[in-house]
Amino acid sequence: ERVHGVRKAEVGRARCRLLAARPLVDFA
């Protein structure tokens, strides 16, 4: 999150962090 950032949003009533999965997997 610090390096790539994420988009914060609400889905329904849930606070979420939206991000592209492939960059996260590669990073992880």
mmCIF file of all heavy atoms, coordinates in Angstrom:
data_MODEL
# 
_entry.id   MODEL 
# 
loop_
_atom_site.group_PDB 
_atom_site.id 
_atom_site.type_symbol 
_atom_site.label_atom_id 
_atom_site.label_alt_id 
_atom_site.label_comp_id 
_atom_site.label_asym_id 
_atom_site.label_entity_id 
_atom_site.label_seq_id 
_atom_site.pdbx_PDB_ins_code 
_atom_site.Cartn_x 
_atom_site.Cartn_y 
_atom_site.Cartn_z 
_atom_site.occupancy 
_atom_site.B_iso_or_equiv 
_atom_site.pdbx_formal_charge 
_atom_site.auth_seq_id 
_atom_site.auth_comp_id 
_atom_site.auth_asym_id 
_atom_site.auth_atom_id 
_atom_site.pdbx_PDB_model_num 
ATOM 1   N N   . GLU A 1 1  ? 0.829   -1.209  0.000   1.00 0.00 ? 1  GLU A N   1 
ATOM 2   C CA  . GLU A 1 1  ? 0.000   0.000   0.000   1.00 0.00 ? 1  GLU A CA  1 
ATOM 3   C C   . GLU A 1 1  ? 0.863   1.257   0.000   1.00 0.00 ? 1  GLU A C   1 
ATOM 4   O O   . GLU A 1 1  ? 0.566   2.221   -0.702  1.00 0.00 ? 1  GLU A O   1 
ATOM 5   C CB  . GLU A 1 1  ? -0.921  -0.007  1.219   1.00 0.00 ? 1  GLU A CB  1 
ATOM 6   C CG  . GLU A 1 1  ? -1.979  1.052   1.172   1.00 0.00 ? 1  GLU A CG  1 
ATOM 7   C CD  . GLU A 1 1  ? -3.032  0.875   2.250   1.00 0.00 ? 1  GLU A CD  1 
ATOM 8   O OE1 . GLU A 1 1  ? -3.272  -0.263  2.681   1.00 0.00 ? 1  GLU A OE1 1 
ATOM 9   O OE2 . GLU A 1 1  ? -3.611  1.898   2.651   1.00 0.00 ? 1  GLU A OE2 1 
ATOM 10  N N   . ARG A 1 2  ? 1.950   1.241   0.755   1.00 0.00 ? 2  ARG A N   1 
ATOM 11  C CA  . ARG A 1 2  ? 2.836   2.404   0.816   1.00 0.00 ? 2  ARG A CA  1 
ATOM 12  C C   . ARG A 1 2  ? 3.547   2.629   -0.525  1.00 0.00 ? 2  ARG A C   1 
ATOM 13  O O   . ARG A 1 2  ? 3.667   3.754   -0.991  1.00 0.00 ? 2  ARG A O   1 
ATOM 14  C CB  . ARG A 1 2  ? 3.873   2.207   1.933   1.00 0.00 ? 2  ARG A CB  1 
ATOM 15  C CG  . ARG A 1 2  ? 4.683   3.440   2.231   1.00 0.00 ? 2  ARG A CG  1 
ATOM 16  C CD  . ARG A 1 2  ? 5.554   3.321   3.471   1.00 0.00 ? 2  ARG A CD  1 
ATOM 17  N NE  . ARG A 1 2  ? 6.427   2.159   3.471   1.00 0.00 ? 2  ARG A NE  1 
ATOM 18  C CZ  . ARG A 1 2  ? 6.312   1.087   4.279   1.00 0.00 ? 2  ARG A CZ  1 
ATOM 19  N NH1 . ARG A 1 2  ? 5.333   1.036   5.159   1.00 0.00 ? 2  ARG A NH1 1 
ATOM 20  N NH2 . ARG A 1 2  ? 7.150   0.094   4.203   1.00 0.00 ? 2  ARG A NH2 1 
ATOM 21  N N   . VAL A 1 3  ? 3.983   1.559   -1.173  1.00 0.00 ? 3  VAL A N   1 
ATOM 22  C CA  . VAL A 1 3  ? 4.733   1.670   -2.434  1.00 0.00 ? 3  VAL A CA  1 
ATOM 23  C C   . VAL A 1 3  ? 3.812   1.933   -3.627  1.00 0.00 ? 3  VAL A C   1 
ATOM 24  O O   . VAL A 1 3  ? 4.089   2.782   -4.464  1.00 0.00 ? 3  VAL A O   1 
ATOM 25  C CB  . VAL A 1 3  ? 5.565   0.387   -2.679  1.00 0.00 ? 3  VAL A CB  1 
ATOM 26  C CG1 . VAL A 1 3  ? 6.182   0.381   -4.065  1.00 0.00 ? 3  VAL A CG1 1 
ATOM 27  C CG2 . VAL A 1 3  ? 6.644   0.242   -1.615  1.00 0.00 ? 3  VAL A CG2 1 
ATOM 28  N N   . HIS A 1 4  ? 2.710   1.189   -3.706  1.00 0.00 ? 4  HIS A N   1 
ATOM 29  C CA  . HIS A 1 4  ? 1.851   1.245   -4.893  1.00 0.00 ? 4  HIS A CA  1 
ATOM 30  C C   . HIS A 1 4  ? 0.562   2.029   -4.692  1.00 0.00 ? 4  HIS A C   1 
ATOM 31  O O   . HIS A 1 4  ? -0.080  2.408   -5.664  1.00 0.00 ? 4  HIS A O   1 
ATOM 32  C CB  . HIS A 1 4  ? 1.493   -0.175  -5.350  1.00 0.00 ? 4  HIS A CB  1 
ATOM 33  C CG  . HIS A 1 4  ? 2.663   -0.935  -5.863  1.00 0.00 ? 4  HIS A CG  1 
ATOM 34  N ND1 . HIS A 1 4  ? 3.141   -0.790  -7.143  1.00 0.00 ? 4  HIS A ND1 1 
ATOM 35  C CD2 . HIS A 1 4  ? 3.481   -1.824  -5.263  1.00 0.00 ? 4  HIS A CD2 1 
ATOM 36  C CE1 . HIS A 1 4  ? 4.189   -1.566  -7.311  1.00 0.00 ? 4  HIS A CE1 1 
ATOM 37  N NE2 . HIS A 1 4  ? 4.423   -2.212  -6.169  1.00 0.00 ? 4  HIS A NE2 1 
ATOM 38  N N   . GLY A 1 5  ? 0.176   2.208   -3.450  1.00 0.00 ? 5  GLY A N   1 
ATOM 39  C CA  . GLY A 1 5  ? -1.082  2.876   -3.184  1.00 0.00 ? 5  GLY A CA  1 
ATOM 40  C C   . GLY A 1 5  ? -2.273  1.980   -3.475  1.00 0.00 ? 5  GLY A C   1 
ATOM 41  O O   . GLY A 1 5  ? -2.154  0.980   -4.182  1.00 0.00 ? 5  GLY A O   1 
ATOM 42  N N   . VAL A 1 6  ? -3.387  2.309   -2.898  1.00 0.00 ? 6  VAL A N   1 
ATOM 43  C CA  . VAL A 1 6  ? -4.639  1.603   -3.155  1.00 0.00 ? 6  VAL A CA  1 
ATOM 44  C C   . VAL A 1 6  ? -5.745  2.636   -3.194  1.00 0.00 ? 6  VAL A C   1 
ATOM 45  O O   . VAL A 1 6  ? -5.585  3.760   -2.716  1.00 0.00 ? 6  VAL A O   1 
ATOM 46  C CB  . VAL A 1 6  ? -4.953  0.539   -2.076  1.00 0.00 ? 6  VAL A CB  1 
ATOM 47  C CG1 . VAL A 1 6  ? -3.907  -0.552  -2.064  1.00 0.00 ? 6  VAL A CG1 1 
ATOM 48  C CG2 . VAL A 1 6  ? -5.116  1.161   -0.718  1.00 0.00 ? 6  VAL A CG2 1 
ATOM 49  N N   . ARG A 1 7  ? -6.849  2.252   -3.784  1.00 0.00 ? 7  ARG A N   1 
ATOM 50  C CA  . ARG A 1 7  ? -8.006  3.141   -3.817  1.00 0.00 ? 7  ARG A CA  1 
ATOM 51  C C   . ARG A 1 7  ? -8.963  2.705   -2.720  1.00 0.00 ? 7  ARG A C   1 
ATOM 52  O O   . ARG A 1 7  ? -9.356  1.541   -2.670  1.00 0.00 ? 7  ARG A O   1 
ATOM 53  C CB  . ARG A 1 7  ? -8.687  3.045   -5.182  1.00 0.00 ? 7  ARG A CB  1 
ATOM 54  C CG  . ARG A 1 7  ? -9.696  4.133   -5.397  1.00 0.00 ? 7  ARG A CG  1 
ATOM 55  C CD  . ARG A 1 7  ? -10.193 4.127   -6.829  1.00 0.00 ? 7  ARG A CD  1 
ATOM 56  N NE  . ARG A 1 7  ? -11.641 4.074   -6.744  1.00 0.00 ? 7  ARG A NE  1 
ATOM 57  C CZ  . ARG A 1 7  ? -12.425 3.321   -7.477  1.00 0.00 ? 7  ARG A CZ  1 
ATOM 58  N NH1 . ARG A 1 7  ? -11.912 2.543   -8.395  1.00 0.00 ? 7  ARG A NH1 1 
ATOM 59  N NH2 . ARG A 1 7  ? -13.718 3.338   -7.319  1.00 0.00 ? 7  ARG A NH2 1 
ATOM 60  N N   . LYS A 1 8  ? -9.309  3.607   -1.836  1.00 0.00 ? 8  LYS A N   1 
ATOM 61  C CA  . LYS A 1 8  ? -10.259 3.301   -0.769  1.00 0.00 ? 8  LYS A CA  1 
ATOM 62  C C   . LYS A 1 8  ? -11.661 3.625   -1.262  1.00 0.00 ? 8  LYS A C   1 
ATOM 63  O O   . LYS A 1 8  ? -11.879 4.649   -1.906  1.00 0.00 ? 8  LYS A O   1 
ATOM 64  C CB  . LYS A 1 8  ? -9.915  4.083   0.489   1.00 0.00 ? 8  LYS A CB  1 
ATOM 65  C CG  . LYS A 1 8  ? -8.575  3.672   1.072   1.00 0.00 ? 8  LYS A CG  1 
ATOM 66  C CD  . LYS A 1 8  ? -8.238  4.445   2.308   1.00 0.00 ? 8  LYS A CD  1 
ATOM 67  C CE  . LYS A 1 8  ? -6.869  3.986   2.825   1.00 0.00 ? 8  LYS A CE  1 
ATOM 68  N NZ  . LYS A 1 8  ? -6.463  4.721   4.019   1.00 0.00 ? 8  LYS A NZ  1 
ATOM 69  N N   . ALA A 1 9  ? -12.579 2.718   -0.974  1.00 0.00 ? 9  ALA A N   1 
ATOM 70  C CA  . ALA A 1 9  ? -13.958 2.895   -1.430  1.00 0.00 ? 9  ALA A CA  1 
ATOM 71  C C   . ALA A 1 9  ? -14.880 2.128   -0.493  1.00 0.00 ? 9  ALA A C   1 
ATOM 72  O O   . ALA A 1 9  ? -14.426 1.333   0.321   1.00 0.00 ? 9  ALA A O   1 
ATOM 73  C CB  . ALA A 1 9  ? -14.110 2.378   -2.857  1.00 0.00 ? 9  ALA A CB  1 
ATOM 74  N N   . GLU A 1 10 ? -16.160 2.384   -0.616  1.00 0.00 ? 10 GLU A N   1 
ATOM 75  C CA  . GLU A 1 10 ? -17.150 1.599   0.102   1.00 0.00 ? 10 GLU A CA  1 
ATOM 76  C C   . GLU A 1 10 ? -17.877 0.715   -0.889  1.00 0.00 ? 10 GLU A C   1 
ATOM 77  O O   . GLU A 1 10 ? -18.279 1.159   -1.956  1.00 0.00 ? 10 GLU A O   1 
ATOM 78  C CB  . GLU A 1 10 ? -18.141 2.505   0.833   1.00 0.00 ? 10 GLU A CB  1 
ATOM 79  C CG  . GLU A 1 10 ? -17.553 3.116   2.075   1.00 0.00 ? 10 GLU A CG  1 
ATOM 80  C CD  . GLU A 1 10 ? -18.599 3.689   3.011   1.00 0.00 ? 10 GLU A CD  1 
ATOM 81  O OE1 . GLU A 1 10 ? -19.793 3.336   2.884   1.00 0.00 ? 10 GLU A OE1 1 
ATOM 82  O OE2 . GLU A 1 10 ? -18.205 4.490   3.866   1.00 0.00 ? 10 GLU A OE2 1 
ATOM 83  N N   . VAL A 1 11 ? -18.015 -0.540  -0.523  1.00 0.00 ? 11 VAL A N   1 
ATOM 84  C CA  . VAL A 1 11 ? -18.796 -1.498  -1.303  1.00 0.00 ? 11 VAL A CA  1 
ATOM 85  C C   . VAL A 1 11 ? -19.924 -1.933  -0.383  1.00 0.00 ? 11 VAL A C   1 
ATOM 86  O O   . VAL A 1 11 ? -19.679 -2.583  0.633   1.00 0.00 ? 11 VAL A O   1 
ATOM 87  C CB  . VAL A 1 11 ? -17.939 -2.702  -1.753  1.00 0.00 ? 11 VAL A CB  1 
ATOM 88  C CG1 . VAL A 1 11 ? -18.792 -3.713  -2.508  1.00 0.00 ? 11 VAL A CG1 1 
ATOM 89  C CG2 . VAL A 1 11 ? -16.752 -2.240  -2.599  1.00 0.00 ? 11 VAL A CG2 1 
ATOM 90  N N   . GLY A 1 12 ? -21.130 -1.515  -0.722  1.00 0.00 ? 12 GLY A N   1 
ATOM 91  C CA  . GLY A 1 12 ? -22.223 -1.682  0.224   1.00 0.00 ? 12 GLY A CA  1 
ATOM 92  C C   . GLY A 1 12 ? -21.920 -0.806  1.424   1.00 0.00 ? 12 GLY A C   1 
ATOM 93  O O   . GLY A 1 12 ? -21.676 0.381   1.293   1.00 0.00 ? 12 GLY A O   1 
ATOM 94  N N   . ARG A 1 13 ? -21.844 -1.413  2.601   1.00 0.00 ? 13 ARG A N   1 
ATOM 95  C CA  . ARG A 1 13 ? -21.473 -0.658  3.798   1.00 0.00 ? 13 ARG A CA  1 
ATOM 96  C C   . ARG A 1 13 ? -20.078 -1.038  4.283   1.00 0.00 ? 13 ARG A C   1 
ATOM 97  O O   . ARG A 1 13 ? -19.677 -0.676  5.380   1.00 0.00 ? 13 ARG A O   1 
ATOM 98  C CB  . ARG A 1 13 ? -22.503 -0.887  4.897   1.00 0.00 ? 13 ARG A CB  1 
ATOM 99  C CG  . ARG A 1 13 ? -23.847 -0.285  4.526   1.00 0.00 ? 13 ARG A CG  1 
ATOM 100 C CD  . ARG A 1 13 ? -24.851 -0.289  5.640   1.00 0.00 ? 13 ARG A CD  1 
ATOM 101 N NE  . ARG A 1 13 ? -24.735 -1.424  6.530   1.00 0.00 ? 13 ARG A NE  1 
ATOM 102 C CZ  . ARG A 1 13 ? -25.730 -1.933  7.217   1.00 0.00 ? 13 ARG A CZ  1 
ATOM 103 N NH1 . ARG A 1 13 ? -26.924 -1.417  7.101   1.00 0.00 ? 13 ARG A NH1 1 
ATOM 104 N NH2 . ARG A 1 13 ? -25.543 -2.950  8.022   1.00 0.00 ? 13 ARG A NH2 1 
ATOM 105 N N   . ALA A 1 14 ? -19.346 -1.780  3.469   1.00 0.00 ? 14 ALA A N   1 
ATOM 106 C CA  . ALA A 1 14 ? -18.000 -2.220  3.866   1.00 0.00 ? 14 ALA A CA  1 
ATOM 107 C C   . ALA A 1 14 ? -16.938 -1.271  3.327   1.00 0.00 ? 14 ALA A C   1 
ATOM 108 O O   . ALA A 1 14 ? -16.950 -0.912  2.150   1.00 0.00 ? 14 ALA A O   1 
ATOM 109 C CB  . ALA A 1 14 ? -17.733 -3.622  3.335   1.00 0.00 ? 14 ALA A CB  1 
ATOM 110 N N   . ARG A 1 15 ? -16.041 -0.837  4.212   1.00 0.00 ? 15 ARG A N   1 
ATOM 111 C CA  . ARG A 1 15 ? -14.888 -0.041  3.767   1.00 0.00 ? 15 ARG A CA  1 
ATOM 112 C C   . ARG A 1 15 ? -13.885 -0.996  3.134   1.00 0.00 ? 15 ARG A C   1 
ATOM 113 O O   . ARG A 1 15 ? -13.529 -2.013  3.727   1.00 0.00 ? 15 ARG A O   1 
ATOM 114 C CB  . ARG A 1 15 ? -14.260 0.688   4.938   1.00 0.00 ? 15 ARG A CB  1 
ATOM 115 C CG  . ARG A 1 15 ? -15.125 1.838   5.413   1.00 0.00 ? 15 ARG A CG  1 
ATOM 116 C CD  . ARG A 1 15 ? -14.514 2.492   6.585   1.00 0.00 ? 15 ARG A CD  1 
ATOM 117 N NE  . ARG A 1 15 ? -14.610 1.521   7.694   1.00 0.00 ? 15 ARG A NE  1 
ATOM 118 C CZ  . ARG A 1 15 ? -14.425 1.811   8.956   1.00 0.00 ? 15 ARG A CZ  1 
ATOM 119 N NH1 . ARG A 1 15 ? -14.107 3.020   9.302   1.00 0.00 ? 15 ARG A NH1 1 
ATOM 120 N NH2 . ARG A 1 15 ? -14.548 0.902   9.881   1.00 0.00 ? 15 ARG A NH2 1 
ATOM 121 N N   . CYS A 1 16 ? -13.445 -0.679  1.923   1.00 0.00 ? 16 CYS A N   1 
ATOM 122 C CA  . CYS A 1 16 ? -12.590 -1.582  1.159   1.00 0.00 ? 16 CYS A CA  1 
ATOM 123 C C   . CYS A 1 16 ? -11.375 -0.853  0.614   1.00 0.00 ? 16 CYS A C   1 
ATOM 124 O O   . CYS A 1 16 ? -11.363 0.369   0.497   1.00 0.00 ? 16 CYS A O   1 
ATOM 125 C CB  . CYS A 1 16 ? -13.366 -2.173  -0.018  1.00 0.00 ? 16 CYS A CB  1 
ATOM 126 S SG  . CYS A 1 16 ? -14.817 -3.106  0.473   1.00 0.00 ? 16 CYS A SG  1 
ATOM 127 N N   . ARG A 1 17 ? -10.374 -1.639  0.275   1.00 0.00 ? 17 ARG A N   1 
ATOM 128 C CA  . ARG A 1 17 ? -9.204  -1.138  -0.450  1.00 0.00 ? 17 ARG A CA  1 
ATOM 129 C C   . ARG A 1 17 ? -9.195  -1.868  -1.790  1.00 0.00 ? 17 ARG A C   1 
ATOM 130 O O   . ARG A 1 17 ? -9.176  -3.090  -1.826  1.00 0.00 ? 17 ARG A O   1 
ATOM 131 C CB  . ARG A 1 17 ? -7.926  -1.440  0.330   1.00 0.00 ? 17 ARG A CB  1 
ATOM 132 C CG  . ARG A 1 17 ? -7.767  -0.567  1.546   1.00 0.00 ? 17 ARG A CG  1 
ATOM 133 C CD  . ARG A 1 17 ? -6.515  -0.968  2.309   1.00 0.00 ? 17 ARG A CD  1 
ATOM 134 N NE  . ARG A 1 17 ? -6.116  0.039   3.251   1.00 0.00 ? 17 ARG A NE  1 
ATOM 135 C CZ  . ARG A 1 17 ? -6.618  0.174   4.463   1.00 0.00 ? 17 ARG A CZ  1 
ATOM 136 N NH1 . ARG A 1 17 ? -7.583  -0.620  4.875   1.00 0.00 ? 17 ARG A NH1 1 
ATOM 137 N NH2 . ARG A 1 17 ? -6.172  1.121   5.271   1.00 0.00 ? 17 ARG A NH2 1 
ATOM 138 N N   . LEU A 1 18 ? -9.225  -1.096  -2.866  1.00 0.00 ? 18 LEU A N   1 
ATOM 139 C CA  . LEU A 1 18 ? -9.281  -1.668  -4.207  1.00 0.00 ? 18 LEU A CA  1 
ATOM 140 C C   . LEU A 1 18 ? -7.897  -1.590  -4.839  1.00 0.00 ? 18 LEU A C   1 
ATOM 141 O O   . LEU A 1 18 ? -7.233  -0.557  -4.778  1.00 0.00 ? 18 LEU A O   1 
ATOM 142 C CB  . LEU A 1 18 ? -10.302 -0.916  -5.055  1.00 0.00 ? 18 LEU A CB  1 
ATOM 143 C CG  . LEU A 1 18 ? -11.711 -0.803  -4.455  1.00 0.00 ? 18 LEU A CG  1 
ATOM 144 C CD1 . LEU A 1 18 ? -12.599 0.028   -5.363  1.00 0.00 ? 18 LEU A CD1 1 
ATOM 145 C CD2 . LEU A 1 18 ? -12.301 -2.172  -4.207  1.00 0.00 ? 18 LEU A CD2 1 
ATOM 146 N N   . LEU A 1 19 ? -7.476  -2.687  -5.443  1.00 0.00 ? 19 LEU A N   1 
ATOM 147 C CA  . LEU A 1 19 ? -6.155  -2.724  -6.064  1.00 0.00 ? 19 LEU A CA  1 
ATOM 148 C C   . LEU A 1 19 ? -6.134  -3.791  -7.140  1.00 0.00 ? 19 LEU A C   1 
ATOM 149 O O   . LEU A 1 19 ? -6.978  -4.680  -7.163  1.00 0.00 ? 19 LEU A O   1 
ATOM 150 C CB  . LEU A 1 19 ? -5.080  -3.017  -5.010  1.00 0.00 ? 19 LEU A CB  1 
ATOM 151 C CG  . LEU A 1 19 ? -5.326  -4.270  -4.179  1.00 0.00 ? 19 LEU A CG  1 
ATOM 152 C CD1 . LEU A 1 19 ? -4.449  -5.402  -4.606  1.00 0.00 ? 19 LEU A CD1 1 
ATOM 153 C CD2 . LEU A 1 19 ? -5.124  -3.930  -2.721  1.00 0.00 ? 19 LEU A CD2 1 
ATOM 154 N N   . ALA A 1 20 ? -5.160  -3.690  -8.014  1.00 0.00 ? 20 ALA A N   1 
ATOM 155 C CA  . ALA A 1 20 ? -4.980  -4.694  -9.061  1.00 0.00 ? 20 ALA A CA  1 
ATOM 156 C C   . ALA A 1 20 ? -4.297  -5.916  -8.445  1.00 0.00 ? 20 ALA A C   1 
ATOM 157 O O   . ALA A 1 20 ? -3.301  -5.788  -7.723  1.00 0.00 ? 20 ALA A O   1 
ATOM 158 C CB  . ALA A 1 20 ? -4.144  -4.133  -10.206 1.00 0.00 ? 20 ALA A CB  1 
ATOM 159 N N   . ALA A 1 21 ? -4.831  -7.091  -8.694  1.00 0.00 ? 21 ALA A N   1 
ATOM 160 C CA  . ALA A 1 21 ? -4.323  -8.313  -8.068  1.00 0.00 ? 21 ALA A CA  1 
ATOM 161 C C   . ALA A 1 21 ? -2.931  -8.694  -8.555  1.00 0.00 ? 21 ALA A C   1 
ATOM 162 O O   . ALA A 1 21 ? -2.076  -9.097  -7.764  1.00 0.00 ? 21 ALA A O   1 
ATOM 163 C CB  . ALA A 1 21 ? -5.294  -9.464  -8.300  1.00 0.00 ? 21 ALA A CB  1 
ATOM 164 N N   . ARG A 1 22 ? -2.665  -8.597  -9.861  1.00 0.00 ? 22 ARG A N   1 
ATOM 165 C CA  . ARG A 1 22 ? -1.373  -9.052  -10.391 1.00 0.00 ? 22 ARG A CA  1 
ATOM 166 C C   . ARG A 1 22 ? -0.203  -8.295  -9.770  1.00 0.00 ? 22 ARG A C   1 
ATOM 167 O O   . ARG A 1 22 ? 0.769   -8.922  -9.340  1.00 0.00 ? 22 ARG A O   1 
ATOM 168 C CB  . ARG A 1 22 ? -1.366  -8.955  -11.923 1.00 0.00 ? 22 ARG A CB  1 
ATOM 169 C CG  . ARG A 1 22 ? -0.046  -9.280  -12.598 1.00 0.00 ? 22 ARG A CG  1 
ATOM 170 C CD  . ARG A 1 22 ? 0.625   -10.591 -12.212 1.00 0.00 ? 22 ARG A CD  1 
ATOM 171 N NE  . ARG A 1 22 ? -0.230  -11.736 -12.232 1.00 0.00 ? 22 ARG A NE  1 
ATOM 172 C CZ  . ARG A 1 22 ? 0.067   -12.915 -11.644 1.00 0.00 ? 22 ARG A CZ  1 
ATOM 173 N NH1 . ARG A 1 22 ? 1.197   -13.080 -11.014 1.00 0.00 ? 22 ARG A NH1 1 
ATOM 174 N NH2 . ARG A 1 22 ? -0.759  -13.912 -11.696 1.00 0.00 ? 22 ARG A NH2 1 
ATOM 175 N N   . PRO A 1 23 ? -0.221  -6.957  -9.690  1.00 0.00 ? 23 PRO A N   1 
ATOM 176 C CA  . PRO A 1 23 ? 0.885   -6.271  -9.026  1.00 0.00 ? 23 PRO A CA  1 
ATOM 177 C C   . PRO A 1 23 ? 1.045   -6.678  -7.563  1.00 0.00 ? 23 PRO A C   1 
ATOM 178 O O   . PRO A 1 23 ? 2.171   -6.802  -7.073  1.00 0.00 ? 23 PRO A O   1 
ATOM 179 C CB  . PRO A 1 23 ? 0.535   -4.785  -9.146  1.00 0.00 ? 23 PRO A CB  1 
ATOM 180 C CG  . PRO A 1 23 ? -0.358  -4.709  -10.337 1.00 0.00 ? 23 PRO A CG  1 
ATOM 181 C CD  . PRO A 1 23 ? -1.140  -5.998  -10.328 1.00 0.00 ? 23 PRO A CD  1 
ATOM 182 N N   . LEU A 1 24 ? -0.070  -6.925  -6.862  1.00 0.00 ? 24 LEU A N   1 
ATOM 183 C CA  . LEU A 1 24 ? 0.024   -7.363  -5.471  1.00 0.00 ? 24 LEU A CA  1 
ATOM 184 C C   . LEU A 1 24 ? 0.683   -8.732  -5.378  1.00 0.00 ? 24 LEU A C   1 
ATOM 185 O O   . LEU A 1 24 ? 1.567   -8.947  -4.544  1.00 0.00 ? 24 LEU A O   1 
ATOM 186 C CB  . LEU A 1 24 ? -1.353  -7.410  -4.816  1.00 0.00 ? 24 LEU A CB  1 
ATOM 187 C CG  . LEU A 1 24 ? -1.385  -8.022  -3.410  1.00 0.00 ? 24 LEU A CG  1 
ATOM 188 C CD1 . LEU A 1 24 ? -0.520  -7.232  -2.443  1.00 0.00 ? 24 LEU A CD1 1 
ATOM 189 C CD2 . LEU A 1 24 ? -2.808  -8.151  -2.918  1.00 0.00 ? 24 LEU A CD2 1 
ATOM 190 N N   . VAL A 1 25 ? 0.271   -9.656  -6.221  1.00 0.00 ? 25 VAL A N   1 
ATOM 191 C CA  . VAL A 1 25 ? 0.861   -11.000 -6.199  1.00 0.00 ? 25 VAL A CA  1 
ATOM 192 C C   . VAL A 1 25 ? 2.354   -10.928 -6.500  1.00 0.00 ? 25 VAL A C   1 
ATOM 193 O O   . VAL A 1 25 ? 3.169   -11.536 -5.795  1.00 0.00 ? 25 VAL A O   1 
ATOM 194 C CB  . VAL A 1 25 ? 0.139   -11.943 -7.187  1.00 0.00 ? 25 VAL A CB  1 
ATOM 195 C CG1 . VAL A 1 25 ? 0.893   -13.250 -7.364  1.00 0.00 ? 25 VAL A CG1 1 
ATOM 196 C CG2 . VAL A 1 25 ? -1.285  -12.207 -6.719  1.00 0.00 ? 25 VAL A CG2 1 
ATOM 197 N N   . ASP A 1 26 ? 2.732   -10.196 -7.538  1.00 0.00 ? 26 ASP A N   1 
ATOM 198 C CA  . ASP A 1 26 ? 4.159   -10.076 -7.887  1.00 0.00 ? 26 ASP A CA  1 
ATOM 199 C C   . ASP A 1 26 ? 4.960   -9.486  -6.728  1.00 0.00 ? 26 ASP A C   1 
ATOM 200 O O   . ASP A 1 26 ? 6.038   -9.969  -6.389  1.00 0.00 ? 26 ASP A O   1 
ATOM 201 C CB  . ASP A 1 26 ? 4.332   -9.219  -9.141  1.00 0.00 ? 26 ASP A CB  1 
ATOM 202 C CG  . ASP A 1 26 ? 3.773   -9.883  -10.391 1.00 0.00 ? 26 ASP A CG  1 
ATOM 203 O OD1 . ASP A 1 26 ? 3.559   -11.113 -10.383 1.00 0.00 ? 26 ASP A OD1 1 
ATOM 204 O OD2 . ASP A 1 26 ? 3.545   -9.164  -11.376 1.00 0.00 ? 26 ASP A OD2 1 
ATOM 205 N N   . PHE A 1 27 ? 4.421   -8.440  -6.110  1.00 0.00 ? 27 PHE A N   1 
ATOM 206 C CA  . PHE A 1 27 ? 5.079   -7.794  -4.978  1.00 0.00 ? 27 PHE A CA  1 
ATOM 207 C C   . PHE A 1 27 ? 5.187   -8.763  -3.804  1.00 0.00 ? 27 PHE A C   1 
ATOM 208 O O   . PHE A 1 27 ? 6.243   -8.900  -3.185  1.00 0.00 ? 27 PHE A O   1 
ATOM 209 C CB  . PHE A 1 27 ? 4.287   -6.546  -4.571  1.00 0.00 ? 27 PHE A CB  1 
ATOM 210 C CG  . PHE A 1 27 ? 4.883   -5.783  -3.433  1.00 0.00 ? 27 PHE A CG  1 
ATOM 211 C CD1 . PHE A 1 27 ? 5.824   -4.792  -3.666  1.00 0.00 ? 27 PHE A CD1 1 
ATOM 212 C CD2 . PHE A 1 27 ? 4.501   -6.037  -2.121  1.00 0.00 ? 27 PHE A CD2 1 
ATOM 213 C CE1 . PHE A 1 27 ? 6.381   -4.066  -2.612  1.00 0.00 ? 27 PHE A CE1 1 
ATOM 214 C CE2 . PHE A 1 27 ? 5.048   -5.331  -1.060  1.00 0.00 ? 27 PHE A CE2 1 
ATOM 215 C CZ  . PHE A 1 27 ? 5.991   -4.341  -1.310  1.00 0.00 ? 27 PHE A CZ  1 
ATOM 216 N N   . ALA A 1 28 ? 4.084   -9.456  -3.488  1.00 0.00 ? 28 ALA A N   1 
ATOM 217 C CA  . ALA A 1 28 ? 4.052   -10.357 -2.335  1.00 0.00 ? 28 ALA A CA  1 
ATOM 218 C C   . ALA A 1 28 ? 5.007   -11.535 -2.517  1.00 0.00 ? 28 ALA A C   1 
ATOM 219 O O   . ALA A 1 28 ? 5.688   -11.925 -1.566  1.00 0.00 ? 28 ALA A O   1 
ATOM 220 C CB  . ALA A 1 28 ? 2.628   -10.857 -2.106  1.00 0.00 ? 28 ALA A CB  1 
# 
